[in-house]
C-alpha atoms as a PDB file:
ATOM      1  CA  MET A   1       0.000   0.000   0.000  1.00  0.00           C
ATOM      2  CA  SER A   2       1.215   3.496  -0.642  1.00  0.00           C
ATOM      3  CA  LEU A   3      -0.140   6.875   0.326  1.00  0.00           C
ATOM      4  CA  THR A   4       0.352   9.807  -2.005  1.00  0.00           C
ATOM      5  CA  LEU A   5      -0.582  13.432  -2.025  1.00  0.00           C
ATOM      6  CA  GLU A   6      -1.072  15.225  -5.318  1.00  0.00           C
ATOM      7  CA  MET A   7      -1.180  18.962  -5.698  1.00  0.00           C
ATOM      8  CA  ALA A   8      -2.421  20.359  -8.972  1.00  0.00           C
ATOM      9  CA  GLY A   9      -3.205  23.749 -10.352  1.00  0.00           C
ATOM     10  CA  LEU A  10      -1.581  27.082 -10.901  1.00  0.00           C
ATOM     11  CA  LEU A  11      -0.436  27.582  -7.306  1.00  0.00           C
ATOM     12  CA  ALA A  12       0.620  23.971  -6.669  1.00  0.00           C
ATOM     13  CA  PRO A  13       4.376  24.645  -7.031  1.00  0.00           C
ATOM     14  CA  VAL A  14       4.207  27.549  -4.591  1.00  0.00           C
ATOM     15  CA  LEU A  15       2.080  25.637  -2.086  1.00  0.00           C
ATOM     16  CA  SER A  16       4.388  22.661  -2.385  1.00  0.00           C
ATOM     17  CA  LEU A  17       7.358  24.813  -1.434  1.00  0.00           C
ATOM     18  CA  LEU A  18       5.487  26.339   1.495  1.00  0.00           C
ATOM     19  CA  THR A  19       3.810  23.230   2.870  1.00  0.00           C
ATOM     20  CA  GLY A  20       5.699  20.288   1.333  1.00  0.00           C
ATOM     21  CA  ALA A  21       7.584  19.159   4.434  1.00  0.00           C
ATOM     22  CA  ARG A  22       4.503  19.419   6.646  1.00  0.00           C
ATOM     23  CA  SER A  23       2.363  17.573   4.118  1.00  0.00           C
ATOM     24  CA  ARG A  24       4.909  14.752   3.876  1.00  0.00           C
ATOM     25  CA  ARG A  25       4.996  14.505   7.664  1.00  0.00           C
ATOM     26  CA  TYR A  26       1.199  14.274   7.826  1.00  0.00           C
ATOM     27  CA  VAL A  27       1.110  11.563   5.163  1.00  0.00           C
ATOM     28  CA  GLU A  28       3.820   9.633   7.040  1.00  0.00           C
ATOM     29  CA  MET A  29       1.842   9.939  10.294  1.00  0.00           C
ATOM     30  CA  GLU A  30      -1.327   8.784   8.545  1.00  0.00           C
ATOM     31  CA  GLY A  31       0.525   5.786   7.093  1.00  0.00           C
ATOM     32  CA  ALA A  32       1.994   4.853  10.477  1.00  0.00           C
ATOM     33  CA  GLY A  33      -1.435   5.028  12.096  1.00  0.00           C
ATOM     34  CA  LEU A  34      -2.984   2.915   9.354  1.00  0.00           C
ATOM     35  CA  LYS A  35      -0.199   0.354   9.705  1.00  0.00           C
ATOM     36  CA  ARG A  36      -0.725   0.134  13.488  1.00  0.00           C
ATOM     37  CA  HIS A  37      -4.471  -0.284  13.009  1.00  0.00           C
ATOM     38  CA  CYS A  38      -4.046  -3.047  10.444  1.00  0.00           C
ATOM     39  CA  GLU A  39      -1.468  -4.869  12.548  1.00  0.00           C
ATOM     40  CA  ARG A  40      -3.785  -4.785  15.574  1.00  0.00           C
ATOM     41  CA  GLN A  41      -6.655  -6.161  13.496  1.00  0.00           C
ATOM     42  CA  SER A  42      -4.620  -9.050  12.112  1.00  0.00           C
ATOM     43  CA  GLY A  43      -2.653  -9.991  15.161  1.00  0.00           C
END
């Protein structure tokens, strides 16, 4: 499974520069939480 975040549109490059690191951190946190949830359900 992979989580991705796509930004599109005229301001996407600017927003990516301003919020890119934070967005990546949030996606990583979401992935870690999903992994924990799935591991609890299966084990």
